[in-house]
């Protein structure tokens, strides 16, 4: 799960910082990611939060509305 969380965090950061020609698709992708993360188990959310902090994005879980 740790590796998946790390990959997901990198994908989210890429979507947020990318100069996309289709921002609507970026928003749709971020909304889908958020929806999936909201249904994660407490353990999965904890791992995501720890990985976000480790990778230098401690605000990411809160920004996505992911709370323990």
PDB file of N, CA and C in Angstrom:
ATOM      1  N   UNK A   1       0.816  -1.196   0.000  1.00  0.00           N
ATOM      2  CA  UNK A   1       0.000   0.000   0.000  1.00  0.00           C
ATOM      3  C   UNK A   1       0.863   1.265   0.000  1.00  0.00           C
ATOM      4  N   UNK A   2       2.005   1.192   0.650  1.00  0.00           N
ATOM      5  CA  UNK A   2       2.885   2.353   0.728  1.00  0.00           C
ATOM      6  C   UNK A   2       3.313   2.809  -0.668  1.00  0.00           C
ATOM      7  N   UNK A   3       3.650   1.864  -1.510  1.00  0.00           N
ATOM      8  CA  UNK A   3       4.087   2.193  -2.872  1.00  0.00           C
ATOM      9  C   UNK A   3       2.935   2.790  -3.677  1.00  0.00           C
ATOM     10  N   UNK A   4       1.743   2.254  -3.504  1.00  0.00           N
ATOM     11  CA  UNK A   4       0.575   2.804  -4.205  1.00  0.00           C
ATOM     12  C   UNK A   4       0.269   4.225  -3.734  1.00  0.00           C
ATOM     13  N   UNK A   5       0.374   4.455  -2.441  1.00  0.00           N
ATOM     14  CA  UNK A   5       0.152   5.799  -1.913  1.00  0.00           C
ATOM     15  C   UNK A   5       1.156   6.775  -2.501  1.00  0.00           C
ATOM     16  N   UNK A   6       2.408   6.358  -2.565  1.00  0.00           N
ATOM     17  CA  UNK A   6       3.453   7.218  -3.128  1.00  0.00           C
ATOM     18  C   UNK A   6       3.157   7.544  -4.589  1.00  0.00           C
ATOM     19  N   UNK A   7       2.787   6.547  -5.368  1.00  0.00           N
ATOM     20  CA  UNK A   7       2.480   6.769  -6.780  1.00  0.00           C
ATOM     21  C   UNK A   7       1.279   7.697  -6.939  1.00  0.00           C
ATOM     22  N   UNK A   8       0.284   7.511  -6.108  1.00  0.00           N
ATOM     23  CA  UNK A   8      -0.908   8.346  -6.162  1.00  0.00           C
ATOM     24  C   UNK A   8      -0.586   9.794  -5.813  1.00  0.00           C
ATOM     25  N   UNK A   9       0.253   9.998  -4.834  1.00  0.00           N
ATOM     26  CA  UNK A   9       0.651  11.352  -4.440  1.00  0.00           C
ATOM     27  C   UNK A   9       1.386  12.043  -5.586  1.00  0.00           C
ATOM     28  N   UNK A  10       2.289  11.328  -6.242  1.00  0.00           N
ATOM     29  CA  UNK A  10       2.992  11.917  -7.382  1.00  0.00           C
ATOM     30  C   UNK A  10       2.015  12.253  -8.512  1.00  0.00           C
ATOM     31  N   UNK A  11       1.037  11.399  -8.743  1.00  0.00           N
ATOM     32  CA  UNK A  11       0.045  11.659  -9.791  1.00  0.00           C
ATOM     33  C   UNK A  11      -0.789  12.891  -9.455  1.00  0.00           C
ATOM     34  N   UNK A  12      -1.210  13.005  -8.211  1.00  0.00           N
ATOM     35  CA  UNK A  12      -1.993  14.167  -7.788  1.00  0.00           C
ATOM     36  C   UNK A  12      -1.186  15.444  -7.958  1.00  0.00           C
ATOM     37  N   UNK A  13       0.058  15.417  -7.535  1.00  0.00           N
ATOM     38  CA  UNK A  13       0.902  16.608  -7.664  1.00  0.00           C
ATOM     39  C   UNK A  13       1.118  16.973  -9.125  1.00  0.00           C
ATOM     40  N   UNK A  14       1.262  15.985  -9.976  1.00  0.00           N
ATOM     41  CA  UNK A  14       1.435  16.250 -11.402  1.00  0.00           C
ATOM     42  C   UNK A  14       0.178  16.913 -11.971  1.00  0.00           C
ATOM     43  N   UNK A  15      -0.981  16.376 -11.638  1.00  0.00           N
ATOM     44  CA  UNK A  15      -2.235  16.942 -12.138  1.00  0.00           C
ATOM     45  C   UNK A  15      -2.401  18.372 -11.645  1.00  0.00           C
ATOM     46  N   UNK A  16      -2.088  18.615 -10.377  1.00  0.00           N
ATOM     47  CA  UNK A  16      -2.262  19.953  -9.805  1.00  0.00           C
ATOM     48  C   UNK A  16      -1.305  20.987 -10.395  1.00  0.00           C
ATOM     49  N   UNK A  17      -0.125  20.571 -10.810  1.00  0.00           N
ATOM     50  CA  UNK A  17       0.869  21.533 -11.285  1.00  0.00           C
ATOM     51  C   UNK A  17       1.029  21.549 -12.803  1.00  0.00           C
ATOM     52  N   UNK A  18       0.397  20.634 -13.497  1.00  0.00           N
ATOM     53  CA  UNK A  18       0.508  20.530 -14.944  1.00  0.00           C
ATOM     54  C   UNK A  18      -0.264  21.658 -15.626  1.00  0.00           C
ATOM     55  N   UNK A  19       0.308  22.219 -16.666  1.00  0.00           N
ATOM     56  CA  UNK A  19      -0.367  23.240 -17.468  1.00  0.00           C
ATOM     57  C   UNK A  19      -1.167  22.535 -18.560  1.00  0.00           C
ATOM     58  N   UNK A  20      -2.255  21.937 -18.166  1.00  0.00           N
ATOM     59  CA  UNK A  20      -3.065  21.136 -19.078  1.00  0.00           C
ATOM     60  C   UNK A  20      -3.865  21.999 -20.044  1.00  0.00           C
ATOM     61  N   UNK A  21      -4.081  21.465 -21.224  1.00  0.00           N
ATOM     62  CA  UNK A  21      -4.937  22.145 -22.185  1.00  0.00           C
ATOM     63  C   UNK A  21      -6.407  21.824 -21.916  1.00  0.00           C
ATOM     64  N   UNK A  22      -6.656  20.874 -21.010  1.00  0.00           N
ATOM     65  CA  UNK A  22      -8.025  20.508 -20.670  1.00  0.00           C
ATOM     66  C   UNK A  22      -8.184  20.455 -19.146  1.00  0.00           C
ATOM     67  N   UNK A  23      -8.311  21.618 -18.507  1.00  0.00           N
ATOM     68  CA  UNK A  23      -8.404  21.636 -17.052  1.00  0.00           C
ATOM     69  C   UNK A  23      -9.627  20.902 -16.505  1.00  0.00           C
ATOM     70  N   UNK A  24     -10.693  20.804 -17.303  1.00  0.00           N
ATOM     71  CA  UNK A  24     -11.876  20.077 -16.843  1.00  0.00           C
ATOM     72  C   UNK A  24     -11.567  18.601 -16.613  1.00  0.00           C
ATOM     73  N   UNK A  25     -10.744  18.019 -17.471  1.00  0.00           N
ATOM     74  CA  UNK A  25     -10.384  16.614 -17.282  1.00  0.00           C
ATOM     75  C   UNK A  25      -9.478  16.449 -16.067  1.00  0.00           C
ATOM     76  N   UNK A  26      -8.652  17.445 -15.787  1.00  0.00           N
ATOM     77  CA  UNK A  26      -7.812  17.406 -14.589  1.00  0.00           C
ATOM     78  C   UNK A  26      -8.673  17.424 -13.331  1.00  0.00           C
ATOM     79  N   UNK A  27      -9.663  18.299 -13.316  1.00  0.00           N
ATOM     80  CA  UNK A  27     -10.570  18.381 -12.167  1.00  0.00           C
ATOM     81  C   UNK A  27     -11.324  17.070 -12.012  1.00  0.00           C
ATOM     82  N   UNK A  28     -11.779  16.506 -13.100  1.00  0.00           N
ATOM     83  CA  UNK A  28     -12.498  15.232 -13.046  1.00  0.00           C
ATOM     84  C   UNK A  28     -11.608  14.119 -12.493  1.00  0.00           C
ATOM     85  N   UNK A  29     -10.353  14.107 -12.901  1.00  0.00           N
ATOM     86  CA  UNK A  29      -9.422  13.093 -12.394  1.00  0.00           C
ATOM     87  C   UNK A  29      -9.190  13.265 -10.898  1.00  0.00           C
ATOM     88  N   UNK A  30      -8.987  14.501 -10.448  1.00  0.00           N
ATOM     89  CA  UNK A  30      -8.788  14.754  -9.015  1.00  0.00           C
ATOM     90  C   UNK A  30     -10.032  14.394  -8.216  1.00  0.00           C
ATOM     91  N   UNK A  31     -11.217  14.673  -8.742  1.00  0.00           N
ATOM     92  CA  UNK A  31     -12.455  14.317  -8.052  1.00  0.00           C
ATOM     93  C   UNK A  31     -12.596  12.801  -7.936  1.00  0.00           C
ATOM     94  N   UNK A  32     -12.227  12.072  -8.973  1.00  0.00           N
ATOM     95  CA  UNK A  32     -12.291  10.612  -8.930  1.00  0.00           C
ATOM     96  C   UNK A  32     -11.310  10.054  -7.905  1.00  0.00           C
ATOM     97  N   UNK A  33     -10.115  10.631  -7.852  1.00  0.00           N
ATOM     98  CA  UNK A  33      -9.119  10.205  -6.869  1.00  0.00           C
ATOM     99  C   UNK A  33      -9.633  10.462  -5.456  1.00  0.00           C
ATOM    100  N   UNK A  34     -10.199  11.640  -5.232  1.00  0.00           N
ATOM    101  CA  UNK A  34     -10.742  11.977  -3.910  1.00  0.00           C
ATOM    102  C   UNK A  34     -11.858  11.018  -3.514  1.00  0.00           C
ATOM    103  N   UNK A  35     -12.734  10.714  -4.436  1.00  0.00           N
ATOM    104  CA  UNK A  35     -13.834   9.796  -4.144  1.00  0.00           C
ATOM    105  C   UNK A  35     -13.303   8.424  -3.742  1.00  0.00           C
ATOM    106  N   UNK A  36     -12.296   7.955  -4.452  1.00  0.00           N
ATOM    107  CA  UNK A  36     -11.709   6.656  -4.119  1.00  0.00           C
ATOM    108  C   UNK A  36     -11.047   6.699  -2.748  1.00  0.00           C
ATOM    109  N   UNK A  37     -10.339   7.771  -2.454  1.00  0.00           N
ATOM    110  CA  UNK A  37      -9.655   7.880  -1.173  1.00  0.00           C
ATOM    111  C   UNK A  37     -10.640   7.997  -0.010  1.00  0.00           C
ATOM    112  N   UNK A  38     -11.783   8.590  -0.240  1.00  0.00           N
ATOM    113  CA  UNK A  38     -12.784   8.711   0.833  1.00  0.00           C
ATOM    114  C   UNK A  38     -13.323   7.347   1.247  1.00  0.00           C
ATOM    115  N   UNK A  39     -13.276   6.376   0.353  1.00  0.00           N
ATOM    116  CA  UNK A  39     -13.764   5.042   0.707  1.00  0.00           C
ATOM    117  C   UNK A  39     -12.639   4.130   1.203  1.00  0.00           C
ATOM    118  N   UNK A  40     -11.454   4.673   1.361  1.00  0.00           N
ATOM    119  CA  UNK A  40     -10.311   3.891   1.859  1.00  0.00           C
ATOM    120  C   UNK A  40     -10.525   3.547   3.334  1.00  0.00           C
ATOM    121  N   UNK A  41      -9.865   2.491   3.760  1.00  0.00           N
ATOM    122  CA  UNK A  41      -9.920   2.117   5.169  1.00  0.00           C
ATOM    123  C   UNK A  41      -9.098   3.106   5.987  1.00  0.00           C
ATOM    124  N   UNK A  42      -9.288   3.071   7.286  1.00  0.00           N
ATOM    125  CA  UNK A  42      -8.515   3.942   8.165  1.00  0.00           C
ATOM    126  C   UNK A  42      -7.020   3.669   8.017  1.00  0.00           C
ATOM    127  N   UNK A  43      -6.650   2.407   7.872  1.00  0.00           N
ATOM    128  CA  UNK A  43      -5.236   2.055   7.700  1.00  0.00           C
ATOM    129  C   UNK A  43      -4.688   2.634   6.394  1.00  0.00           C
ATOM    130  N   UNK A  44      -5.458   2.525   5.329  1.00  0.00           N
ATOM    131  CA  UNK A  44      -5.023   3.063   4.045  1.00  0.00           C
ATOM    132  C   UNK A  44      -4.882   4.584   4.094  1.00  0.00           C
ATOM    133  N   UNK A  45      -5.821   5.253   4.752  1.00  0.00           N
ATOM    134  CA  UNK A  45      -5.735   6.708   4.893  1.00  0.00           C
ATOM    135  C   UNK A  45      -4.513   7.102   5.711  1.00  0.00           C
ATOM    136  N   UNK A  46      -4.232   6.332   6.747  1.00  0.00           N
ATOM    137  CA  UNK A  46      -3.062   6.606   7.584  1.00  0.00           C
ATOM    138  C   UNK A  46      -1.779   6.482   6.770  1.00  0.00           C
ATOM    139  N   UNK A  47      -1.693   5.446   5.966  1.00  0.00           N
ATOM    140  CA  UNK A  47      -0.512   5.252   5.114  1.00  0.00           C
ATOM    141  C   UNK A  47      -0.389   6.406   4.124  1.00  0.00           C
ATOM    142  N   UNK A  48      -1.505   6.811   3.537  1.00  0.00           N
ATOM    143  CA  UNK A  48      -1.494   7.927   2.597  1.00  0.00           C
ATOM    144  C   UNK A  48      -0.989   9.193   3.282  1.00  0.00           C
ATOM    145  N   UNK A  49      -1.490   9.463   4.487  1.00  0.00           N
ATOM    146  CA  UNK A  49      -1.061  10.649   5.229  1.00  0.00           C
ATOM    147  C   UNK A  49       0.430  10.604   5.547  1.00  0.00           C
ATOM    148  N   UNK A  50       0.912   9.458   5.985  1.00  0.00           N
ATOM    149  CA  UNK A  50       2.341   9.320   6.301  1.00  0.00           C
ATOM    150  C   UNK A  50       3.210   9.520   5.066  1.00  0.00           C
ATOM    151  N   UNK A  51       2.780   8.947   3.955  1.00  0.00           N
ATOM    152  CA  UNK A  51       3.551   9.095   2.717  1.00  0.00           C
ATOM    153  C   UNK A  51       3.529  10.538   2.219  1.00  0.00           C
ATOM    154  N   UNK A  52       2.393  11.205   2.348  1.00  0.00           N
ATOM    155  CA  UNK A  52       2.314  12.604   1.932  1.00  0.00           C
ATOM    156  C   UNK A  52       3.292  13.450   2.745  1.00  0.00           C
ATOM    157  N   UNK A  53       3.357  13.203   4.030  1.00  0.00           N
ATOM    158  CA  UNK A  53       4.309  13.931   4.878  1.00  0.00           C
ATOM    159  C   UNK A  53       5.742  13.606   4.491  1.00  0.00           C
ATOM    160  N   UNK A  54       6.030  12.317   4.275  1.00  0.00           N
ATOM    161  CA  UNK A  54       7.385  11.892   3.938  1.00  0.00           C
ATOM    162  C   UNK A  54       7.851  12.510   2.623  1.00  0.00           C
ATOM    163  N   UNK A  55       6.928  12.660   1.681  1.00  0.00           N
ATOM    164  CA  UNK A  55       7.279  13.192   0.365  1.00  0.00           C
ATOM    165  C   UNK A  55       7.252  14.719   0.309  1.00  0.00           C
ATOM    166  N   UNK A  56       6.917  15.356   1.422  1.00  0.00           N
ATOM    167  CA  UNK A  56       6.946  16.810   1.471  1.00  0.00           C
ATOM    168  C   UNK A  56       5.634  17.486   1.138  1.00  0.00           C
ATOM    169  N   UNK A  57       4.533  16.751   1.207  1.00  0.00           N
ATOM    170  CA  UNK A  57       3.210  17.309   0.936  1.00  0.00           C
ATOM    171  C   UNK A  57       2.283  17.085   2.127  1.00  0.00           C
ATOM    172  N   UNK A  58       2.637  17.594   3.311  1.00  0.00           N
ATOM    173  CA  UNK A  58       1.845  17.304   4.507  1.00  0.00           C
ATOM    174  C   UNK A  58       0.417  17.845   4.451  1.00  0.00           C
ATOM    175  N   UNK A  59       0.194  18.853   3.619  1.00  0.00           N
ATOM    176  CA  UNK A  59      -1.133  19.449   3.518  1.00  0.00           C
ATOM    177  C   UNK A  59      -2.070  18.688   2.593  1.00  0.00           C
ATOM    178  N   UNK A  60      -1.532  17.770   1.814  1.00  0.00           N
ATOM    179  CA  UNK A  60      -2.317  17.086   0.787  1.00  0.00           C
ATOM    180  C   UNK A  60      -3.537  16.348   1.329  1.00  0.00           C
ATOM    181  N   UNK A  61      -3.416  15.530   2.371  1.00  0.00           N
ATOM    182  CA  UNK A  61      -4.611  14.840   2.865  1.00  0.00           C
ATOM    183  C   UNK A  61      -5.733  15.813   3.266  1.00  0.00           C
ATOM    184  N   UNK A  62      -5.367  16.879   3.934  1.00  0.00           N
ATOM    185  CA  UNK A  62      -6.376  17.870   4.335  1.00  0.00           C
ATOM    186  C   UNK A  62      -6.983  18.554   3.113  1.00  0.00           C
ATOM    187  N   UNK A  63      -6.139  18.900   2.144  1.00  0.00           N
ATOM    188  CA  UNK A  63      -6.635  19.538   0.928  1.00  0.00           C
ATOM    189  C   UNK A  63      -7.611  18.643   0.166  1.00  0.00           C
ATOM    190  N   UNK A  64      -7.412  17.338   0.272  1.00  0.00           N
ATOM    191  CA  UNK A  64      -8.284  16.388  -0.406  1.00  0.00           C
ATOM    192  C   UNK A  64      -9.473  15.972   0.459  1.00  0.00           C
ATOM    193  N   UNK A  65      -9.505  16.462   1.692  1.00  0.00           N
ATOM    194  CA  UNK A  65     -10.598  16.120   2.585  1.00  0.00           C
ATOM    195  C   UNK A  65     -10.482  14.723   3.178  1.00  0.00           C
ATOM    196  N   UNK A  66      -9.252  14.253   3.326  1.00  0.00           N
ATOM    197  CA  UNK A  66      -9.007  12.902   3.844  1.00  0.00           C
ATOM    198  C   UNK A  66      -8.575  13.003   5.280  1.00  0.00           C
ATOM    199  N   UNK A  67      -9.421  12.570   6.160  1.00  0.00           N
ATOM    200  CA  UNK A  67      -9.147  12.653   7.588  1.00  0.00           C
ATOM    201  C   UNK A  67      -9.239  11.280   8.203  1.00  0.00           C
ATOM    202  N   UNK A  68      -8.501  11.093   9.275  1.00  0.00           N
ATOM    203  CA  UNK A  68      -8.563   9.841  10.043  1.00  0.00           C
ATOM    204  C   UNK A  68      -9.766   9.844  10.931  1.00  0.00           C
TER     205      UNK A  68
END
